């Protein structure tokens, strides 16, 4: 078997699909193994219960996806996915600060459901001649050399009655099985240390419902109201590819949003603008309410391990997963696969060490954004050393100034959407703009004018 003959990807979600696409440029054959039956049309996937809630492919992730699948973004737009280039169509309120709707971050935002986007990516992957997809197939274990210094394949079991266990010999096995990935346990069985796990517990709960709104009910295409200190609740409303709207309500630290529709609207009325609630009360519900729970941000620090077997990687949520209310999951997986693509350009020698260290750089930036936002809520328990407190205080002031300053709002959006690194918020010109904002603000509006601006 040649060193670049066969790669096996375990998990057919977004991270697995993007990883298979990257590996197809280096390996002669790639096999994608998925436990669940993979739909051939736009449909929910049983193994991804989170796909029934608000999702977003942030522009930073969309750039990677377009590089891997040229023309995909035009394809999903042609199929009906709304595209937002005019940010007056966005109502974005992080931590209680409604950002200026005159912001011009100069990045298109593609809006669609997770099943719709995943369907188009899966179709592109299926069309690649050197990728085989094995769905309805359980992963039993890994195989390794006698010295356990290299993984040599994966043992799998098809779910069809009467099928026998099969060994897929491979030069590389990639664990893309999500937060429940088994790589830590496999490492322990092989005699290696488990990775150190960093967690920030948020106890997040979702309650979502698909809706039909009368035409032109709202001028916005996306509304995101985040939790704020003293109110660990929020929600979002997004226009999707078929003209439907998805309402997702969230609550942190063990609070649960209701599941009965009228109660959901009463819950949302505590933070959603009045005109949005009015539109929702005229909506037609489609299907049942979906719920989802997310316990904690989790980073498995594989990059810190001194010993790791060759021929094995972990990627996507198997490596690092974040509070989903910030919409970073799919884009974080895309950034990891971009790091893998860059590592493979230098060959496959010592790939685990090089990949984990390379991928840790963008993951550290995403972790700063997600964990920093969570720790800005006093209800979330976690260490807040002095640098975190100083940075959160500054970001809070920047967000407050972004209510009035479209330049700051545009820069904050570019960082939040993973286009620019967080360090951009600390450039001298930006800091000066934040610190001098109160002297540049327009005269306060009257109470009536202020109410109309917030509507």
Protein backbone atom coordinates (compact mmCIF):
# COMPACT_ATOMS: atom_id res chain seq x y z
CA UNK A 1 0.00 0.00 0.00
CA UNK A 2 1.43 3.40 -0.97
CA UNK A 3 1.75 6.11 1.64
CA UNK A 4 -0.96 8.15 -0.11
CA UNK A 5 -3.12 5.29 -1.29
CA UNK A 6 -6.19 5.31 0.96
CA UNK A 7 -7.69 7.66 3.55
CA UNK A 8 -10.76 6.91 5.67
CA UNK A 9 -12.96 9.63 7.16
CA UNK A 10 -15.21 8.61 10.04
CA UNK A 11 -18.33 10.81 10.10
CA UNK A 12 -20.41 12.21 7.27
CA UNK A 13 -21.36 15.60 8.69
CA UNK A 14 -20.02 18.94 7.56
CA UNK A 15 -16.51 18.37 8.94
CA UNK A 16 -16.34 14.89 7.39
CA UNK A 17 -17.53 16.08 3.98
CA UNK A 18 -15.04 18.96 3.84
CA UNK A 19 -12.23 16.71 5.07
CA UNK A 20 -12.99 14.08 2.41
CA UNK A 21 -12.84 16.79 -0.24
CA UNK A 22 -9.43 17.97 1.00
CA UNK A 23 -8.01 14.44 1.22
CA UNK A 24 -9.18 13.63 -2.32
CA UNK A 25 -6.44 15.91 -3.66
CA UNK A 26 -3.69 13.91 -1.92
CA UNK A 27 -4.93 10.33 -1.58
CA UNK A 28 -5.80 8.02 -4.45
CA UNK A 29 -8.93 6.81 -2.65
CA UNK A 30 -11.01 8.28 0.15
CA UNK A 31 -13.75 6.37 1.99
CA UNK A 32 -16.31 8.31 4.02
CA UNK A 33 -18.01 6.20 6.73
CA UNK A 34 -21.29 7.39 8.27
CA UNK A 35 -23.53 5.65 10.80
CA UNK A 36 -26.82 7.10 9.56
CA UNK A 37 -28.44 6.83 6.13
CA UNK A 38 -27.41 9.91 4.19
CA UNK A 39 -30.34 11.60 2.45
CA UNK A 40 -30.15 12.16 -1.30
CA UNK A 41 -32.45 15.19 -1.07
CA UNK A 42 -32.62 18.16 1.30
CA UNK A 43 -33.60 16.57 4.58
CA UNK A 44 -32.66 16.46 8.25
CA UNK A 45 -30.06 13.91 9.29
CA UNK A 46 -30.76 11.87 12.40
CA UNK A 47 -27.16 12.15 13.58
CA UNK A 48 -27.31 15.96 13.49
CA UNK A 49 -30.22 17.02 15.72
CA UNK A 50 -28.76 20.54 15.81
CA UNK A 51 -29.56 20.95 12.10
CA UNK A 52 -33.17 21.78 12.99
CA UNK A 53 -32.06 25.01 14.64
CA UNK A 54 -30.67 28.29 13.38
CA UNK A 55 -27.42 27.81 11.48
CA UNK A 56 -25.13 30.09 9.57
CA UNK A 57 -22.16 29.62 7.28
CA UNK A 58 -20.16 32.64 8.36
CA UNK A 59 -18.27 34.47 5.59
CA UNK A 60 -14.91 33.25 6.94
CA UNK A 61 -16.05 29.66 6.48
CA UNK A 62 -17.83 30.40 3.20
CA UNK A 63 -14.54 31.52 1.67
CA UNK A 64 -13.00 28.12 2.43
CA UNK A 65 -16.04 26.22 1.15
CA UNK A 66 -15.97 28.17 -2.11
CA UNK A 67 -12.26 27.41 -2.53
CA UNK A 68 -12.95 23.70 -2.09
CA UNK A 69 -16.07 23.68 -4.28
CA UNK A 70 -15.80 26.49 -6.84
CA UNK A 71 -19.19 27.86 -7.79
CA UNK A 72 -21.00 26.34 -4.80
CA UNK A 73 -22.09 29.68 -3.36
CA UNK A 74 -23.59 30.75 -6.68
CA UNK A 75 -25.27 27.36 -6.84
CA UNK A 76 -26.99 27.64 -3.48
CA UNK A 77 -28.03 31.21 -4.26
CA UNK A 78 -29.50 30.09 -7.60
CA UNK A 79 -31.39 27.39 -5.71
CA UNK A 80 -33.07 29.95 -3.50
CA UNK A 81 -30.70 30.69 -0.61
CA UNK A 82 -31.04 34.35 0.39
CA UNK A 83 -27.83 36.37 0.22
CA UNK A 84 -27.39 39.45 2.36
CA UNK A 85 -25.09 42.18 1.08
CA UNK A 86 -27.08 45.12 2.46
CA UNK A 87 -26.51 44.94 6.20
CA UNK A 88 -29.52 47.13 6.93
CA UNK A 89 -31.30 43.76 6.50
CA UNK A 90 -29.50 42.49 9.61
CA UNK A 91 -30.65 43.26 13.15
CA UNK A 92 -27.71 42.11 15.29
CA UNK A 93 -27.66 42.75 19.02
CA UNK A 94 -24.75 41.07 20.84
CA UNK A 95 -24.73 41.47 24.63
CA UNK A 96 -27.56 44.01 24.57
CA UNK A 97 -26.06 46.37 21.98
CA UNK A 98 -27.98 46.80 18.71
CA UNK A 99 -25.25 47.39 16.12
CA UNK A 100 -25.61 50.23 13.64
CA UNK A 101 -27.58 49.10 10.60
CA UNK A 102 -25.49 51.45 8.45
CA UNK A 103 -22.50 49.10 8.85
CA UNK A 104 -20.80 48.06 5.62
CA UNK A 105 -18.56 45.07 6.35
CA UNK A 106 -18.31 44.36 2.58
CA UNK A 107 -18.86 40.61 2.91
CA UNK A 108 -21.86 38.66 1.57
CA UNK A 109 -23.72 36.49 4.07
CA UNK A 110 -25.39 33.37 2.68
CA UNK A 111 -28.55 32.37 4.55
CA UNK A 112 -29.92 28.85 4.37
CA UNK A 113 -30.83 25.87 6.48
CA UNK A 114 -28.12 23.43 7.48
CA UNK A 115 -29.77 20.52 5.57
CA UNK A 116 -29.90 22.62 2.38
CA UNK A 117 -26.23 23.57 2.56
CA UNK A 118 -25.11 20.09 3.57
CA UNK A 119 -27.10 18.56 0.69
CA UNK A 120 -25.28 20.68 -1.88
CA UNK A 121 -21.87 19.92 -0.39
CA UNK A 122 -22.69 16.21 -0.13
CA UNK A 123 -23.71 16.16 -3.81
CA UNK A 124 -20.37 17.70 -4.76
CA UNK A 125 -18.51 15.11 -2.67
CA UNK A 126 -20.49 12.22 -4.18
CA UNK A 127 -19.50 13.45 -7.65
CA UNK A 128 -15.77 13.10 -6.96
CA UNK A 129 -14.57 9.86 -8.60
CA UNK A 130 -12.08 8.86 -5.89
CA UNK A 131 -14.47 9.23 -2.94
CA UNK A 132 -16.69 6.35 -1.79
CA UNK A 133 -19.43 6.90 0.78
CA UNK A 134 -20.41 4.06 3.12
CA UNK A 135 -23.48 5.08 5.08
CA UNK A 136 -25.44 2.99 7.60
CA UNK A 137 -22.09 1.72 8.81
CA UNK A 138 -20.84 1.64 12.42
CA UNK A 139 -17.22 2.18 13.38
CA UNK A 140 -16.10 -0.69 15.60
CA UNK A 141 -12.45 0.09 16.29
CA UNK A 142 -9.13 1.10 14.79
CA UNK A 143 -6.34 -1.18 13.67
CA UNK A 144 -2.70 -0.42 14.30
CA UNK A 145 0.83 -1.70 13.96
CA UNK A 146 2.14 -4.10 16.60
CA UNK A 147 4.01 -1.23 18.24
CA UNK A 148 0.85 0.96 18.17
CA UNK A 149 2.88 3.78 16.62
CA UNK A 150 0.75 3.98 13.49
CA UNK A 151 -2.94 3.50 12.75
CA UNK A 152 -3.41 1.16 9.82
CA UNK A 153 -7.17 1.28 9.29
CA UNK A 154 -10.64 1.04 10.78
CA UNK A 155 -12.95 -1.88 11.52
CA UNK A 156 -16.51 -1.18 10.46
CA UNK A 157 -19.82 -3.03 10.58
CA UNK A 158 -22.58 -2.43 8.05
CA UNK A 159 -26.05 -2.12 9.55
CA UNK A 160 -27.66 -4.34 6.93
CA UNK A 161 -28.80 -7.68 8.30
CA UNK A 162 -26.29 -10.49 7.89
CA UNK A 163 -23.33 -8.24 7.05
CA UNK A 164 -19.94 -9.09 8.49
CA UNK A 165 -17.37 -6.84 10.08
CA UNK A 166 -14.94 -5.37 7.55
CA UNK A 167 -11.48 -3.86 7.95
CA UNK A 168 -10.74 -0.78 5.86
CA UNK A 169 -6.97 -0.62 5.53
CA UNK A 170 -5.83 2.96 5.37
CA UNK A 171 -2.79 5.21 5.43
CA UNK A 172 -4.80 7.84 7.28
CA UNK A 173 -7.93 7.68 9.46
CA UNK A 174 -9.68 10.93 10.38
CA UNK A 175 -12.15 11.04 13.28
CA UNK A 176 -14.89 13.51 12.29
CA UNK A 177 -17.59 11.98 14.50
CA UNK A 178 -18.40 15.13 16.42
CA UNK A 179 -18.40 15.82 20.15
CA UNK A 180 -18.87 12.11 20.87
CA UNK A 181 -15.73 11.19 18.94
CA UNK A 182 -13.81 8.20 20.27
CA UNK A 183 -10.23 9.28 19.64
CA UNK A 184 -9.49 10.01 23.34
CA UNK A 185 -10.60 6.49 24.29
CA UNK A 186 -8.70 4.97 21.37
CA UNK A 187 -5.53 6.78 22.43
CA UNK A 188 -5.85 5.38 25.95
CA UNK A 189 -6.36 1.85 24.60
CA UNK A 190 -3.23 2.22 22.48
CA UNK A 191 -1.16 3.36 25.48
CA UNK A 192 -1.13 7.09 24.78
CA UNK A 193 -2.27 9.96 26.99
CA UNK A 194 -5.71 11.41 26.44
CA UNK A 195 -5.68 15.04 25.37
CA UNK A 196 -6.21 17.71 27.99
CA UNK A 197 -9.81 18.95 27.70
CA UNK A 198 -10.70 22.59 28.24
CA UNK A 199 -14.38 23.19 28.97
CA UNK A 200 -16.58 26.17 29.58
CA UNK A 201 -20.02 25.03 30.73
CA UNK A 202 -22.99 27.02 29.42
CA UNK A 203 -25.94 24.58 29.69
CA UNK A 204 -27.59 25.96 26.57
CA UNK A 205 -31.09 24.95 25.48
CA UNK A 206 -32.76 25.55 22.10
CA UNK A 207 -36.40 25.65 21.09
CA UNK A 208 -37.06 26.18 17.37
CA UNK A 209 -39.97 26.24 14.96
CA UNK A 210 -40.29 26.63 11.21
CA UNK A 211 -42.73 29.35 10.14
CA UNK A 212 -44.39 30.93 7.13
CA UNK A 213 -44.80 34.70 7.25
CA UNK A 214 -47.02 36.81 5.00
CA UNK A 215 -44.98 38.40 2.16
CA UNK A 216 -43.05 41.55 3.10
CA UNK A 217 -43.79 41.08 6.80
CA UNK A 218 -40.24 42.08 7.71
CA UNK A 219 -37.57 44.24 6.09
CA UNK A 220 -34.87 42.12 7.73
CA UNK A 221 -33.53 38.80 6.51
CA UNK A 222 -31.73 37.89 9.73
CA UNK A 223 -32.38 38.92 13.32
CA UNK A 224 -30.00 37.82 16.10
CA UNK A 225 -30.53 38.96 19.67
CA UNK A 226 -27.89 37.54 21.99
CA UNK A 227 -28.05 37.00 25.75
CA UNK A 228 -26.84 39.85 27.91
CA UNK A 229 -25.83 40.25 31.57
CA UNK A 230 -28.93 39.76 33.66
CA UNK A 231 -30.82 38.09 30.81
CA UNK A 232 -29.31 34.74 29.77
CA UNK A 233 -31.83 34.35 26.95
CA UNK A 234 -31.96 35.32 23.30
CA UNK A 235 -32.94 34.13 19.89
CA UNK A 236 -32.78 34.46 16.16
CA UNK A 237 -35.03 34.55 13.13
CA UNK A 238 -33.64 33.71 9.69
CA UNK A 239 -35.08 33.70 6.18
CA UNK A 240 -34.31 30.39 4.45
CA UNK A 241 -34.04 29.05 0.92
CA UNK A 242 -37.70 28.13 0.42
CA UNK A 243 -39.08 31.40 1.76
CA UNK A 244 -39.71 29.91 5.20
CA UNK A 245 -38.45 31.46 8.42
CA UNK A 246 -36.79 29.59 11.26
CA UNK A 247 -37.33 30.94 14.77
CA UNK A 248 -34.80 29.70 17.33
CA UNK A 249 -34.98 30.67 21.00
CA UNK A 250 -32.07 30.01 23.33
CA UNK A 251 -31.40 30.11 27.05
CA UNK A 252 -28.19 29.56 28.99
CA UNK A 253 -27.27 28.31 32.47
CA UNK A 254 -30.08 25.80 32.72
CA UNK A 255 -32.99 28.07 31.77
CA UNK A 256 -35.19 26.44 29.12
CA UNK A 257 -37.20 28.22 26.45
CA UNK A 258 -40.82 27.07 26.11
CA UNK A 259 -42.01 24.69 23.42
CA UNK A 260 -45.63 25.82 23.03
CA UNK A 261 -45.82 28.42 20.26
CA UNK A 262 -47.75 31.15 22.09
CA UNK A 263 -45.45 30.74 25.08
CA UNK A 264 -42.47 30.96 22.73
CA UNK A 265 -43.74 34.30 21.44
CA UNK A 266 -44.24 35.60 24.98
CA UNK A 267 -40.70 34.45 25.80
CA UNK A 268 -39.31 36.16 22.67
CA UNK A 269 -41.20 39.38 23.42
CA UNK A 270 -38.81 39.99 26.32
CA UNK A 271 -35.98 40.76 23.87
CA UNK A 272 -37.25 40.75 20.27
CA UNK A 273 -38.35 44.08 18.73
CA UNK A 274 -42.09 44.72 18.81
CA UNK A 275 -42.51 44.71 15.03
CA UNK A 276 -40.89 41.25 14.87
CA UNK A 277 -43.22 39.85 17.52
CA UNK A 278 -46.18 41.35 15.67
CA UNK A 279 -45.09 39.60 12.46
CA UNK A 280 -44.59 36.32 14.31
CA UNK A 281 -48.10 36.44 15.73
CA UNK A 282 -49.36 36.38 12.15
CA UNK A 283 -47.12 33.46 11.18
CA UNK A 284 -48.21 29.99 10.16
CA UNK A 285 -46.40 27.23 12.03
CA UNK A 286 -44.86 24.44 9.97
CA UNK A 287 -44.24 21.09 11.68
CA UNK A 288 -43.39 20.57 15.32
CA UNK A 289 -41.17 22.44 17.74
CA UNK A 290 -37.61 21.07 17.90
CA UNK A 291 -35.43 21.17 21.00
CA UNK A 292 -31.71 20.74 21.52
CA UNK A 293 -29.28 20.96 24.43
CA UNK A 294 -25.62 21.91 24.37
CA UNK A 295 -23.66 21.48 27.62
CA UNK A 296 -20.30 23.16 27.14
CA UNK A 297 -17.64 24.60 24.88
CA UNK A 298 -14.95 21.94 24.62
CA UNK A 299 -11.42 21.99 23.21
CA UNK A 300 -9.47 18.75 23.17
CA UNK A 301 -5.90 19.98 23.09
CA UNK A 302 -4.32 17.41 20.79
CA UNK A 303 -1.73 20.02 19.84
CA UNK A 304 -0.28 19.73 23.36
CA UNK A 305 0.32 15.96 23.24
CA UNK A 306 3.97 15.00 22.92
CA UNK A 307 3.22 11.52 21.54
CA UNK A 308 0.55 10.68 19.02
CA UNK A 309 0.25 7.77 16.57
CA UNK A 310 0.86 8.46 12.92
CA UNK A 311 -2.02 7.91 10.54
CA UNK A 312 -4.72 9.39 12.82
CA UNK A 313 -6.35 12.82 13.06
CA UNK A 314 -9.39 14.32 14.78
CA UNK A 315 -11.23 17.22 13.17
CA UNK A 316 -14.33 19.39 13.53
CA UNK A 317 -16.20 19.11 16.83
CA UNK A 318 -14.05 16.07 17.59
CA UNK A 319 -11.23 18.58 18.04
CA UNK A 320 -12.93 21.78 19.19
CA UNK A 321 -16.61 22.73 19.58
CA UNK A 322 -18.19 26.02 20.53
CA UNK A 323 -21.39 27.46 21.92
CA UNK A 324 -23.63 27.25 18.81
CA UNK A 325 -25.42 30.56 19.42
CA UNK A 326 -22.47 32.33 17.77
CA UNK A 327 -22.87 30.34 14.55
CA UNK A 328 -19.21 29.32 14.40
CA UNK A 329 -19.41 25.51 14.16
CA UNK A 330 -19.50 24.93 10.40
CA UNK A 331 -17.02 27.72 9.75
CA UNK A 332 -14.63 26.45 12.43
CA UNK A 333 -14.70 23.03 10.73
CA UNK A 334 -13.97 24.73 7.41
CA UNK A 335 -10.98 26.58 8.92
CA UNK A 336 -9.62 23.30 10.28
CA UNK A 337 -9.89 21.65 6.86
CA UNK A 338 -8.10 24.64 5.33
CA UNK A 339 -5.27 24.03 7.82
CA UNK A 340 -5.23 20.36 6.80
CA UNK A 341 -5.09 21.29 3.12
CA UNK A 342 -2.10 23.56 3.76
CA UNK A 343 -0.31 20.85 5.77
CA UNK A 344 -0.83 18.27 3.03
CA UNK A 345 0.88 20.58 0.54
CA UNK A 346 4.05 19.84 2.51
CA UNK A 347 3.44 16.07 2.39
CA UNK A 348 2.12 13.56 4.90
CA UNK A 349 5.25 13.17 7.06
CA UNK A 350 4.52 13.83 10.75
CA UNK A 351 1.04 14.97 9.72
CA UNK A 352 -0.73 14.76 13.14
CA UNK A 353 1.73 17.06 14.91
CA UNK A 354 1.79 19.57 12.06
CA UNK A 355 -1.98 19.56 11.58
CA UNK A 356 -2.97 19.94 15.23
CA UNK A 357 -0.54 22.80 15.74
CA UNK A 358 -1.64 24.51 12.54
CA UNK A 359 -5.36 24.11 13.26
CA UNK A 360 -4.90 25.31 16.85
CA UNK A 361 -4.13 28.83 15.59
CA UNK A 362 -7.56 29.58 14.06
CA UNK A 363 -9.28 27.57 16.81
CA UNK A 364 -7.63 29.73 19.45
CA UNK A 365 -9.08 32.81 17.76
CA UNK A 366 -12.57 31.27 17.61
CA UNK A 367 -12.27 30.14 21.23
CA UNK A 368 -11.39 33.69 22.29
CA UNK A 369 -14.55 34.98 20.62
CA UNK A 370 -16.90 32.28 21.94
CA UNK A 371 -15.50 31.90 25.45
CA UNK A 372 -15.05 35.65 25.82
CA UNK A 373 -18.69 36.25 24.90
CA UNK A 374 -19.87 33.52 27.30
CA UNK A 375 -17.76 34.86 30.16
CA UNK A 376 -19.23 38.32 29.61
CA UNK A 377 -22.38 36.82 31.15
CA UNK A 378 -22.00 36.78 34.95
CA UNK A 379 -24.41 33.82 35.04
CA UNK A 380 -21.78 31.62 33.31
CA UNK A 381 -19.32 30.11 35.75
CA UNK A 382 -15.68 30.11 34.73
CA UNK A 383 -12.28 31.67 35.45
CA UNK A 384 -11.99 35.35 34.58
CA UNK A 385 -8.34 36.33 34.95
CA UNK A 386 -7.47 40.01 34.70
CA UNK A 387 -6.66 39.94 30.94
CA UNK A 388 -10.11 38.42 30.21
CA UNK A 389 -11.86 41.04 32.35
CA UNK A 390 -9.97 43.88 30.67
CA UNK A 391 -10.64 42.55 27.18
CA UNK A 392 -14.35 41.93 27.88
CA UNK A 393 -14.67 45.44 29.28
CA UNK A 394 -13.12 46.87 26.12
CA UNK A 395 -15.25 44.74 23.81
CA UNK A 396 -18.35 45.80 25.72
CA UNK A 397 -17.43 49.44 25.18
CA UNK A 398 -16.71 48.78 21.50
CA UNK A 399 -20.12 47.14 21.10
CA UNK A 400 -21.77 50.10 22.83
CA UNK A 401 -20.04 52.53 20.45
CA UNK A 402 -20.99 50.27 17.51
CA UNK A 403 -24.61 51.17 18.17
CA UNK A 404 -23.83 54.63 16.78
CA UNK A 405 -20.67 54.10 14.71
CA UNK A 406 -21.10 52.08 11.48
CA UNK A 407 -17.32 51.83 11.03
CA UNK A 408 -16.88 50.09 14.38
CA UNK A 409 -19.99 47.99 13.74
CA UNK A 410 -18.60 46.86 10.38
CA UNK A 411 -15.26 45.92 11.93
CA UNK A 412 -16.92 44.02 14.76
CA UNK A 413 -19.07 42.08 12.27
CA UNK A 414 -16.00 41.14 10.20
CA UNK A 415 -14.36 39.72 13.34
CA UNK A 416 -17.52 37.98 14.60
CA UNK A 417 -18.00 36.44 11.15
CA UNK A 418 -14.42 35.06 11.15
CA UNK A 419 -13.17 37.18 8.26
CA UNK A 420 -10.75 39.28 10.31
CA UNK A 421 -8.81 38.14 13.40
CA UNK A 422 -9.83 39.51 16.81
CA UNK A 423 -6.59 41.54 16.89
CA UNK A 424 -8.21 43.89 14.37
CA UNK A 425 -10.37 45.20 17.20
CA UNK A 426 -7.19 46.28 19.02
CA UNK A 427 -5.57 48.28 16.24
CA UNK A 428 -4.64 51.80 17.42
CA UNK A 429 -7.10 53.47 15.04
CA UNK A 430 -9.93 51.25 16.28
CA UNK A 431 -9.06 51.75 19.96
CA UNK A 432 -8.95 55.51 19.42
CA UNK A 433 -12.33 55.41 17.73
CA UNK A 434 -13.79 53.47 20.66
CA UNK A 435 -12.32 55.79 23.27
CA UNK A 436 -13.40 58.98 21.54
CA UNK A 437 -16.81 57.75 20.45
CA UNK A 438 -18.87 59.67 22.97
CA UNK A 439 -17.52 62.95 21.60
CA UNK A 440 -18.45 62.00 18.04
CA UNK A 441 -21.98 60.79 18.70
CA UNK A 442 -24.92 62.68 17.23
CA UNK A 443 -27.19 64.60 19.55
CA UNK A 444 -29.54 62.28 21.49
CA UNK A 445 -32.85 61.59 19.75
CA UNK A 446 -36.15 62.38 21.38
CA UNK A 447 -37.92 59.52 23.16
CA UNK A 448 -40.27 59.00 20.18
CA UNK A 449 -37.39 59.01 17.69
CA UNK A 450 -35.36 56.66 19.84
CA UNK A 451 -38.29 54.23 20.02
CA UNK A 452 -38.63 54.22 16.24
CA UNK A 453 -34.91 53.55 15.80
CA UNK A 454 -35.11 50.48 18.02
CA UNK A 455 -38.17 49.05 16.24
